[in-house]
Amino acid sequence: TFALLFRLSLRRGGSVVASLFLLILAFGASSIHLFARPHIVSWLLTITCFQILDSSGPLNIHTNANTNTNNKDHFYSLPVIMLFWANVHGGFLMGFVLLGIYFASGVIQFFLRPEERVQILVWLQRLGTVSILSLLATFLNPYGSKLYLHIYGYLTDRWLMDHIDEFRSPNFHGLAQQCFILLLLVAIAALVWSRQKPRISQVLVILFAVHSGFYAARNLPISCMLLVLIVAPMIVSPMIVAPVIGAPVPSTGIFEEGSERKEGSERKGRPLFGLLNRFRSFNQRMGAQEFYLRGHVWPVAAVVLLFLICAHGGHFNSRRIMDAHFDPAHFPVGASDWIAQKHIAGPIFAPDAWGGYLIYRFAPEPMVFVDDRHDLYGTAFLKDYVEVVQVLPDWRKVLDQDKLKLVLVPKNSSLANILRETPQWKAVYEDRTAALFQRGESATGN
């Protein structure tokens, strides 16, 4: 996904240095959600749909020549993409958001450019047809229309949206969130100083990306990727001869403006212009190097090498260089080992963030009480879960009614502290990360 993001940034006119810098920021912002789960596919398909829509707009002739104008073949691939997307992850709604944004931008341009209304109207008709076909394609899933009812019920449940961390606004004290802020500041600077102004559709995408990024933490990766694709060509567009980017184009980035000033002004800012010239020269050399290495030999070689290392248990030439494991400081690794040794059966009450790990370790037994697939459990069930985790007045009632005999929680959590003071429960295992409690009558081990 990020390799494609980098390639598209170059294709749209961004320089290697600028695109790489923005890519690093986007990757940093996405680190909060780098999990082996289907939402990763939504990232890939979001930037794919954006590129298809943005490169097939009705008025691309008025913008930088680097965009692939009127790419009709790819345009009609959107229904196929949406068919696949709807069967992979609920993020397929992002495709319809982008379709709506570009339809709205087309309507705005229809009224702002009366001399080109025929061309815009034809494009709007094509977009409308593609949107309808895409919508119909999404109904080809195992649940049909019930898929939409499920997603609607989940996303409109205010209690869930207000209590699930990834749907709440980001905490900007983290590194990933700081990357988003820095990328946003770069975008603002580019919009102010670049002579290459965004199209109406791109302005709407920027507004959506900024709003969604501030609204929910889980939106940060997609928000950053969309910003990168729009902002990268605005920072600097040096004349680089490369098929990836297209024919050589005049520099129009924010670093090029000073080159048109009079000689007297240039002498006054000679150190600055010298620095900018060196920067442009570096950009050109990097672009030429990227062009030279544009083939697939090196990426394929890297993938094959990593595959061989994984196949040998992380060893290369008898030396271990890869060690994939769950961090005992964040997951109940020691407690899980103890449970396995004692052959203890579930179900186990544990934090939802640990549920997936416990399923991975013990499936099909012992069963967990909850994991972080919140939409599968429902609001009423999750309210009971929160009642226990936050030690609210009815916390004992929930454990009793579900006949739970095992509780695995962080060692210094409120629930762990109160269980230590409850005679009915006994701590049978503790380490620096987790504490495992059993009801007294069934406690085994020390």
Protein backbone atom coordinates (compact mmCIF):
# COMPACT_ATOMS: atom_id res chain seq x y z
CA THR A 1 0.00 0.00 0.00
CA PHE A 2 2.70 2.48 0.89
CA ALA A 3 4.77 1.47 -2.12
CA LEU A 4 1.77 2.29 -4.32
CA LEU A 5 1.25 5.55 -2.42
CA PHE A 6 4.85 6.54 -3.17
CA ARG A 7 4.55 5.54 -6.84
CA LEU A 8 1.31 7.48 -7.28
CA SER A 9 2.84 10.54 -5.62
CA LEU A 10 5.59 10.49 -8.23
CA ARG A 11 3.17 9.86 -11.07
CA ARG A 12 1.10 12.85 -10.01
CA GLY A 13 4.14 15.14 -10.24
CA GLY A 14 5.72 14.99 -6.81
CA SER A 15 9.47 14.89 -6.41
CA VAL A 16 11.20 11.91 -4.88
CA VAL A 17 12.35 13.83 -1.79
CA ALA A 18 9.02 15.51 -1.10
CA SER A 19 7.04 12.33 -1.73
CA LEU A 20 9.34 10.30 0.50
CA PHE A 21 9.11 12.86 3.30
CA LEU A 22 5.31 12.89 3.17
CA LEU A 23 5.27 9.09 2.92
CA ILE A 24 7.25 8.80 6.16
CA LEU A 25 4.75 11.08 7.92
CA ALA A 26 1.81 9.06 6.59
CA PHE A 27 3.43 5.81 7.67
CA GLY A 28 4.10 7.24 11.13
CA ALA A 29 0.47 8.33 11.46
CA SER A 30 -0.68 4.89 10.33
CA SER A 31 1.39 3.11 12.95
CA ILE A 32 -1.54 3.26 15.38
CA HIS A 33 -3.44 0.81 13.16
CA LEU A 34 -0.75 -1.43 11.66
CA PHE A 35 -2.44 -4.74 12.39
CA ALA A 36 -2.87 -7.88 10.29
CA ARG A 37 -6.54 -7.21 9.75
CA PRO A 38 -8.77 -6.49 6.72
CA HIS A 39 -8.81 -2.71 7.22
CA ILE A 40 -5.34 -2.71 5.63
CA VAL A 41 -7.06 -3.66 2.35
CA SER A 42 -9.34 -0.65 2.76
CA TRP A 43 -6.27 1.59 2.81
CA LEU A 44 -5.09 0.13 -0.49
CA LEU A 45 -8.47 0.37 -2.19
CA THR A 46 -9.10 3.90 -0.93
CA ILE A 47 -6.01 5.34 -2.60
CA THR A 48 -6.75 3.25 -5.71
CA CYS A 49 -10.28 4.64 -6.00
CA PHE A 50 -9.05 8.17 -5.35
CA GLN A 51 -6.45 7.92 -8.11
CA ILE A 52 -8.99 6.55 -10.58
CA LEU A 53 -11.52 9.27 -9.83
CA ASP A 54 -9.02 12.09 -9.65
CA SER A 55 -7.36 11.15 -12.94
CA SER A 56 -10.62 10.82 -14.88
CA GLY A 57 -12.29 14.12 -13.99
CA PRO A 58 -13.95 16.25 -16.71
CA LEU A 59 -11.59 19.23 -16.42
CA ASN A 60 -8.17 17.72 -15.90
CA ILE A 61 -7.04 19.69 -18.95
CA HIS A 62 -6.91 22.73 -16.67
CA THR A 63 -4.50 21.15 -14.23
CA ASN A 64 -0.98 19.82 -14.13
CA ALA A 65 -0.28 17.64 -17.14
CA ASN A 66 1.16 14.97 -14.92
CA THR A 67 -2.24 13.52 -14.05
CA ASN A 68 -3.52 10.71 -16.23
CA THR A 69 -6.41 12.48 -17.90
CA ASN A 70 -9.66 10.76 -18.76
CA ASN A 71 -8.62 7.29 -17.80
CA LYS A 72 -11.91 5.70 -18.86
CA ASP A 73 -10.73 2.09 -18.71
CA HIS A 74 -9.81 2.34 -15.04
CA PHE A 75 -12.89 4.44 -14.36
CA TYR A 76 -15.21 1.57 -15.22
CA SER A 77 -13.27 -0.81 -13.01
CA LEU A 78 -14.74 0.83 -9.91
CA PRO A 79 -17.78 -1.51 -9.69
CA VAL A 80 -15.43 -4.52 -9.70
CA ILE A 81 -13.31 -2.94 -6.98
CA MET A 82 -16.42 -2.22 -4.90
CA LEU A 83 -17.63 -5.81 -5.31
CA PHE A 84 -14.36 -7.11 -3.88
CA TRP A 85 -14.18 -4.39 -1.22
CA ALA A 86 -17.67 -5.03 0.17
CA ASN A 87 -16.73 -8.68 0.74
CA VAL A 88 -13.54 -7.81 2.61
CA HIS A 89 -14.14 -4.89 4.96
CA GLY A 90 -16.81 -2.39 5.97
CA GLY A 91 -14.51 0.42 4.88
CA PHE A 92 -15.97 0.06 1.38
CA LEU A 93 -18.21 2.98 2.37
CA MET A 94 -15.13 5.15 1.81
CA GLY A 95 -15.47 4.38 -1.90
CA PHE A 96 -18.96 5.87 -1.92
CA VAL A 97 -17.73 8.90 0.00
CA LEU A 98 -15.19 9.55 -2.74
CA LEU A 99 -17.80 8.98 -5.45
CA GLY A 100 -20.06 11.49 -3.70
CA ILE A 101 -17.27 14.04 -3.37
CA TYR A 102 -16.42 13.88 -7.07
CA PHE A 103 -20.07 13.99 -8.07
CA ALA A 104 -20.54 17.11 -5.92
CA SER A 105 -17.43 18.72 -7.43
CA GLY A 106 -18.77 17.99 -10.92
CA VAL A 107 -22.07 19.71 -10.08
CA ILE A 108 -20.20 22.74 -8.73
CA GLN A 109 -18.07 22.94 -11.88
CA PHE A 110 -21.22 22.61 -14.00
CA PHE A 111 -22.45 25.94 -12.63
CA LEU A 112 -19.04 27.65 -12.49
CA ARG A 113 -18.00 26.78 -16.05
CA PRO A 114 -21.00 27.33 -18.33
CA GLU A 115 -18.79 27.12 -21.43
CA GLU A 116 -17.91 23.49 -20.60
CA ARG A 117 -21.23 22.23 -19.34
CA VAL A 118 -21.63 19.65 -22.10
CA GLN A 119 -18.31 18.00 -21.24
CA ILE A 120 -19.06 18.10 -17.51
CA LEU A 121 -22.58 16.74 -17.98
CA VAL A 122 -21.26 13.76 -19.96
CA TRP A 123 -18.77 13.04 -17.20
CA LEU A 124 -21.47 13.32 -14.50
CA GLN A 125 -23.61 10.84 -16.40
CA ARG A 126 -20.70 8.41 -16.57
CA LEU A 127 -19.99 8.91 -12.87
CA GLY A 128 -23.64 8.37 -12.00
CA THR A 129 -23.71 5.14 -14.00
CA VAL A 130 -20.53 3.89 -12.35
CA SER A 131 -21.90 4.81 -8.90
CA ILE A 132 -25.13 2.88 -9.47
CA LEU A 133 -23.24 -0.15 -10.77
CA SER A 134 -20.89 0.06 -7.77
CA LEU A 135 -23.84 0.19 -5.37
CA LEU A 136 -25.50 -2.82 -6.99
CA ALA A 137 -22.20 -4.73 -6.90
CA THR A 138 -21.92 -4.33 -3.13
CA PHE A 139 -25.17 -6.23 -2.62
CA LEU A 140 -23.41 -9.34 -3.95
CA ASN A 141 -22.25 -10.44 -0.51
CA PRO A 142 -23.34 -13.26 1.82
CA TYR A 143 -25.70 -10.94 3.71
CA GLY A 144 -27.16 -8.83 0.90
CA SER A 145 -28.86 -5.67 2.14
CA LYS A 146 -28.38 -6.76 5.77
CA LEU A 147 -24.74 -5.73 5.44
CA TYR A 148 -25.82 -2.10 5.15
CA LEU A 149 -28.24 -2.45 8.06
CA HIS A 150 -25.47 -3.90 10.22
CA ILE A 151 -23.00 -1.12 9.36
CA TYR A 152 -25.64 1.57 9.83
CA GLY A 153 -26.64 0.22 13.23
CA TYR A 154 -23.02 0.01 14.32
CA LEU A 155 -21.90 3.45 13.17
CA THR A 156 -25.01 5.21 14.49
CA ASP A 157 -24.77 3.70 17.96
CA ARG A 158 -23.64 6.73 19.96
CA TRP A 159 -22.65 4.69 23.00
CA LEU A 160 -20.25 2.57 20.95
CA MET A 161 -18.83 5.57 19.11
CA ASP A 162 -18.22 7.38 22.41
CA HIS A 163 -16.63 4.43 24.24
CA ILE A 164 -14.49 2.67 21.62
CA ASP A 165 -11.08 4.36 21.52
CA GLU A 166 -10.49 4.11 17.79
CA PHE A 167 -13.77 5.91 17.06
CA ARG A 168 -12.96 8.76 19.43
CA SER A 169 -10.92 11.82 18.54
CA PRO A 170 -7.14 11.26 18.52
CA ASN A 171 -4.97 11.99 21.54
CA PHE A 172 -2.42 14.32 19.98
CA HIS A 173 0.24 13.55 22.57
CA GLY A 174 1.21 10.40 20.65
CA LEU A 175 3.85 10.15 17.92
CA ALA A 176 1.40 8.97 15.27
CA GLN A 177 -0.93 11.86 15.96
CA GLN A 178 1.99 14.29 15.83
CA CYS A 179 2.83 12.95 12.36
CA PHE A 180 -0.72 13.75 11.27
CA ILE A 181 -0.44 17.28 12.63
CA LEU A 182 2.91 17.84 10.90
CA LEU A 183 1.53 16.53 7.61
CA LEU A 184 -1.45 18.84 8.00
CA LEU A 185 0.83 21.84 8.56
CA VAL A 186 2.82 20.94 5.44
CA ALA A 187 -0.44 20.70 3.50
CA ILE A 188 -1.53 24.14 4.69
CA ALA A 189 1.84 25.64 3.71
CA ALA A 190 1.65 24.01 0.28
CA LEU A 191 -1.88 25.29 -0.30
CA VAL A 192 -0.83 28.83 0.64
CA TRP A 193 2.42 29.13 -1.30
CA SER A 194 2.13 26.77 -4.23
CA ARG A 195 1.13 28.22 -7.58
CA GLN A 196 -0.35 24.85 -8.48
CA LYS A 197 -3.76 25.18 -6.92
CA PRO A 198 -5.95 22.13 -6.21
CA ARG A 199 -9.13 21.46 -8.13
CA ILE A 200 -12.52 21.75 -6.47
CA SER A 201 -12.70 17.99 -6.04
CA GLN A 202 -9.31 17.96 -4.35
CA VAL A 203 -10.33 20.76 -1.99
CA LEU A 204 -13.36 18.71 -0.97
CA VAL A 205 -11.17 15.64 -0.44
CA ILE A 206 -8.80 17.71 1.72
CA LEU A 207 -11.68 18.98 3.83
CA PHE A 208 -13.00 15.46 4.24
CA ALA A 209 -9.56 14.07 5.13
CA VAL A 210 -8.95 16.75 7.76
CA HIS A 211 -12.41 16.38 9.30
CA SER A 212 -12.27 12.58 9.41
CA GLY A 213 -8.77 12.64 10.89
CA PHE A 214 -9.85 14.88 13.74
CA TYR A 215 -13.13 13.02 14.24
CA ALA A 216 -11.80 9.50 14.83
CA ALA A 217 -8.35 8.07 15.46
CA ARG A 218 -8.94 5.11 13.14
CA ASN A 219 -9.30 7.53 10.21
CA LEU A 220 -5.77 8.94 10.54
CA PRO A 221 -4.10 6.52 8.06
CA ILE A 222 -6.55 7.13 5.21
CA SER A 223 -6.66 10.87 5.93
CA CYS A 224 -2.88 11.09 5.68
CA MET A 225 -2.71 9.03 2.49
CA LEU A 226 -5.23 11.27 0.74
CA LEU A 227 -3.34 14.36 1.86
CA VAL A 228 -0.07 12.94 0.54
CA LEU A 229 -1.51 12.31 -2.93
CA ILE A 230 -2.84 15.85 -3.20
CA VAL A 231 -0.03 17.76 -1.50
CA ALA A 232 3.05 15.98 -2.92
CA PRO A 233 2.81 17.60 -6.40
CA MET A 234 2.42 21.05 -4.82
CA ILE A 235 5.61 21.07 -2.79
CA VAL A 236 8.05 20.85 -5.68
CA SER A 237 7.73 19.68 -9.25
CA PRO A 238 11.24 19.58 -10.72
CA MET A 239 11.81 18.70 -14.35
CA ILE A 240 12.52 14.98 -14.17
CA VAL A 241 12.59 12.76 -17.23
CA ALA A 242 10.95 9.51 -16.16
CA PRO A 243 8.10 7.46 -17.61
CA VAL A 244 6.71 7.04 -14.09
CA ILE A 245 6.05 10.76 -13.93
CA GLY A 246 5.48 11.48 -17.58
CA ALA A 247 6.94 13.99 -19.96
CA PRO A 248 9.14 16.77 -18.54
CA VAL A 249 7.00 19.55 -17.15
CA PRO A 250 7.85 23.05 -16.01
CA SER A 251 8.57 23.40 -12.33
CA THR A 252 5.56 24.87 -10.53
CA GLY A 253 6.20 23.99 -6.91
CA ILE A 254 6.57 26.36 -4.00
CA PHE A 255 10.36 26.25 -4.24
CA GLU A 256 10.33 27.46 -7.85
CA GLU A 257 8.68 30.83 -7.39
CA GLY A 258 11.87 32.69 -6.59
CA SER A 259 13.53 31.71 -9.87
CA GLU A 260 11.42 34.26 -11.75
CA ARG A 261 12.44 37.24 -9.67
CA LYS A 262 14.63 39.97 -10.99
CA GLU A 263 18.36 39.72 -10.78
CA GLY A 264 18.58 42.43 -8.10
CA SER A 265 16.22 40.58 -5.81
CA GLU A 266 18.09 37.36 -6.47
CA ARG A 267 21.37 38.89 -5.35
CA LYS A 268 19.79 39.96 -2.06
CA GLY A 269 18.69 36.43 -1.35
CA ARG A 270 21.68 34.68 -2.91
CA PRO A 271 22.26 32.29 0.05
CA LEU A 272 18.62 31.26 0.06
CA PHE A 273 18.51 30.80 -3.69
CA GLY A 274 21.75 28.87 -3.58
CA LEU A 275 20.20 26.54 -1.03
CA LEU A 276 17.06 26.13 -3.13
CA ASN A 277 19.13 25.45 -6.23
CA ARG A 278 21.08 22.77 -4.41
CA PHE A 279 17.82 21.30 -3.21
CA ARG A 280 16.44 21.24 -6.79
CA SER A 281 19.66 19.64 -8.00
CA PHE A 282 19.40 16.99 -5.29
CA ASN A 283 15.79 16.37 -6.29
CA GLN A 284 16.79 15.87 -9.91
CA ARG A 285 19.56 13.41 -8.98
CA MET A 286 17.15 11.46 -6.77
CA GLY A 287 14.58 11.45 -9.56
CA ALA A 288 17.13 10.14 -12.03
CA GLN A 289 18.13 7.42 -9.55
CA GLU A 290 14.49 6.47 -9.05
CA PHE A 291 14.09 6.26 -12.81
CA TYR A 292 17.17 4.06 -13.09
CA LEU A 293 15.90 1.68 -10.39
CA ARG A 294 12.28 1.72 -11.47
CA GLY A 295 12.29 -1.98 -12.40
CA HIS A 296 10.99 -4.75 -10.20
CA VAL A 297 14.23 -6.68 -9.67
CA TRP A 298 15.18 -5.14 -6.33
CA PRO A 299 11.71 -5.26 -4.72
CA VAL A 300 11.28 -8.89 -5.80
CA ALA A 301 14.74 -9.76 -4.50
CA ALA A 302 13.93 -8.13 -1.15
CA VAL A 303 10.65 -10.05 -0.84
CA VAL A 304 12.33 -13.36 -1.73
CA LEU A 305 15.09 -12.71 0.82
CA LEU A 306 12.59 -11.91 3.58
CA PHE A 307 10.56 -15.00 2.69
CA LEU A 308 13.64 -17.20 2.98
CA ILE A 309 14.51 -15.64 6.35
CA CYS A 310 10.99 -16.31 7.63
CA ALA A 311 11.08 -19.87 6.30
CA HIS A 312 14.23 -20.48 8.35
CA GLY A 313 12.73 -19.24 11.59
CA GLY A 314 14.17 -15.75 11.30
CA HIS A 315 17.74 -16.99 10.73
CA PHE A 316 20.12 -15.87 8.02
CA ASN A 317 23.43 -17.68 7.67
CA SER A 318 23.00 -19.24 11.16
CA ARG A 319 22.39 -15.79 12.65
CA ARG A 320 18.97 -14.81 14.00
CA ILE A 321 17.98 -11.45 12.56
CA MET A 322 14.19 -11.67 12.85
CA ASP A 323 12.28 -12.44 16.03
CA ALA A 324 8.53 -12.01 15.78
CA HIS A 325 6.80 -12.36 19.14
CA PHE A 326 4.15 -10.82 21.36
CA ASP A 327 5.58 -8.30 23.80
CA PRO A 328 5.15 -9.67 27.35
CA ALA A 329 4.92 -6.08 28.58
CA HIS A 330 1.69 -5.53 26.61
CA PHE A 331 0.15 -8.99 26.35
CA PRO A 332 -0.47 -11.68 29.02
CA VAL A 333 2.20 -14.01 27.64
CA GLY A 334 3.29 -15.39 31.01
CA ALA A 335 -0.27 -15.84 32.25
CA SER A 336 -1.21 -17.65 29.04
CA ASP A 337 1.74 -20.01 29.45
CA TRP A 338 0.59 -20.76 33.00
CA ILE A 339 -2.98 -21.42 31.83
CA ALA A 340 -1.68 -23.80 29.17
CA GLN A 341 0.46 -25.68 31.70
CA LYS A 342 -2.46 -26.09 34.12
CA HIS A 343 -4.91 -27.04 31.34
CA ILE A 344 -7.44 -24.57 32.65
CA ALA A 345 -10.70 -24.30 30.69
CA GLY A 346 -12.54 -21.04 30.05
CA PRO A 347 -14.40 -18.89 29.56
CA ILE A 348 -11.99 -16.14 30.66
CA PHE A 349 -13.01 -12.59 31.37
CA ALA A 350 -10.24 -10.34 30.01
CA PRO A 351 -9.93 -6.87 28.46
CA ASP A 352 -11.19 -6.71 24.90
CA ALA A 353 -7.69 -5.72 23.74
CA TRP A 354 -6.41 -9.09 25.00
CA GLY A 355 -9.27 -11.15 23.59
CA GLY A 356 -7.72 -11.58 20.16
CA TYR A 357 -4.41 -12.72 21.66
CA LEU A 358 -6.15 -15.29 23.87
CA ILE A 359 -8.10 -16.61 20.89
CA TYR A 360 -4.84 -16.89 18.98
CA ARG A 361 -3.19 -18.79 21.83
CA PHE A 362 -6.00 -21.14 22.88
CA ALA A 363 -8.63 -21.50 20.17
CA PRO A 364 -10.95 -23.30 20.35
CA GLU A 365 -10.50 -23.51 24.15
CA PRO A 366 -10.74 -21.77 26.51
CA MET A 367 -13.33 -19.34 25.22
CA VAL A 368 -12.95 -15.64 25.90
CA PHE A 369 -15.68 -13.44 27.26
CA VAL A 370 -15.09 -10.63 24.74
CA ASP A 371 -12.62 -9.44 22.12
CA ASP A 372 -12.32 -6.21 20.14
CA ARG A 373 -14.77 -7.11 17.36
CA HIS A 374 -17.27 -4.91 19.11
CA ASP A 375 -19.90 -4.92 16.36
CA LEU A 376 -20.40 -8.66 16.88
CA TYR A 377 -21.36 -8.31 20.55
CA GLY A 378 -23.86 -5.46 20.63
CA THR A 379 -24.28 -2.47 22.93
CA ALA A 380 -26.07 -4.26 25.79
CA PHE A 381 -23.33 -6.88 26.10
CA LEU A 382 -20.55 -4.31 25.94
CA LYS A 383 -22.23 -2.22 28.63
CA ASP A 384 -22.02 -5.24 30.93
CA TYR A 385 -18.36 -5.60 30.01
CA VAL A 386 -17.66 -1.95 30.86
CA GLU A 387 -19.57 -2.42 34.13
CA VAL A 388 -16.98 -5.00 35.20
CA VAL A 389 -13.85 -3.36 33.78
CA GLN A 390 -14.61 -0.02 35.41
CA VAL A 391 -15.81 -1.69 38.66
CA LEU A 392 -19.20 -0.03 38.54
CA PRO A 393 -21.88 -0.92 41.14
CA ASP A 394 -23.16 -4.06 39.38
CA TRP A 395 -19.80 -5.54 38.44
CA ARG A 396 -20.28 -8.64 40.63
CA LYS A 397 -23.72 -9.25 39.18
CA VAL A 398 -22.31 -9.52 35.65
CA LEU A 399 -19.65 -12.05 36.68
CA ASP A 400 -22.22 -14.06 38.65
CA GLN A 401 -24.93 -14.17 35.99
CA ASP A 402 -22.46 -15.39 33.36
CA LYS A 403 -20.95 -17.87 35.85
CA LEU A 404 -17.46 -16.64 35.14
CA LYS A 405 -14.72 -18.31 37.19
CA LEU A 406 -11.62 -16.79 35.59
CA VAL A 407 -10.62 -13.13 35.34
CA LEU A 408 -7.40 -12.06 33.59
CA VAL A 409 -6.68 -8.33 33.85
CA PRO A 410 -3.73 -5.93 33.97
CA LYS A 411 -1.89 -6.30 37.25
CA ASN A 412 -2.51 -2.76 38.54
CA SER A 413 -6.00 -2.25 37.15
CA SER A 414 -8.93 -1.23 39.32
CA LEU A 415 -10.58 -4.60 38.78
CA ALA A 416 -7.44 -6.46 39.89
CA ASN A 417 -7.20 -4.36 43.04
CA ILE A 418 -10.79 -4.99 44.08
CA LEU A 419 -10.59 -8.70 43.30
CA ARG A 420 -7.63 -8.96 45.69
CA GLU A 421 -9.92 -7.58 48.41
CA THR A 422 -12.82 -9.88 47.54
CA PRO A 423 -12.73 -13.17 49.51
CA GLN A 424 -14.59 -15.04 46.79
CA TRP A 425 -11.69 -14.52 44.38
CA LYS A 426 -8.09 -15.68 44.62
CA ALA A 427 -5.05 -14.55 42.66
CA VAL A 428 -3.50 -17.73 41.21
CA TYR A 429 -0.93 -16.07 38.97
CA GLU A 430 0.73 -12.65 38.76
CA ASP A 431 3.59 -11.10 36.85
CA ARG A 432 4.56 -7.57 35.86
CA THR A 433 1.82 -7.42 33.22
CA ALA A 434 -1.18 -9.48 34.23
CA ALA A 435 -2.98 -11.03 37.15
CA LEU A 436 -5.17 -14.13 36.89
CA PHE A 437 -7.98 -14.65 39.40
CA GLN A 438 -10.19 -17.69 40.05
CA ARG A 439 -13.22 -18.08 42.19
CA GLY A 440 -12.11 -19.50 45.50
CA GLU A 441 -13.88 -22.80 45.27
CA SER A 442 -12.14 -23.72 42.01
CA ALA A 443 -8.72 -22.18 42.57
CA THR A 444 -5.80 -24.36 41.59
CA GLY A 445 -2.09 -23.70 41.76
CA ASN A 446 -0.11 -20.75 43.19
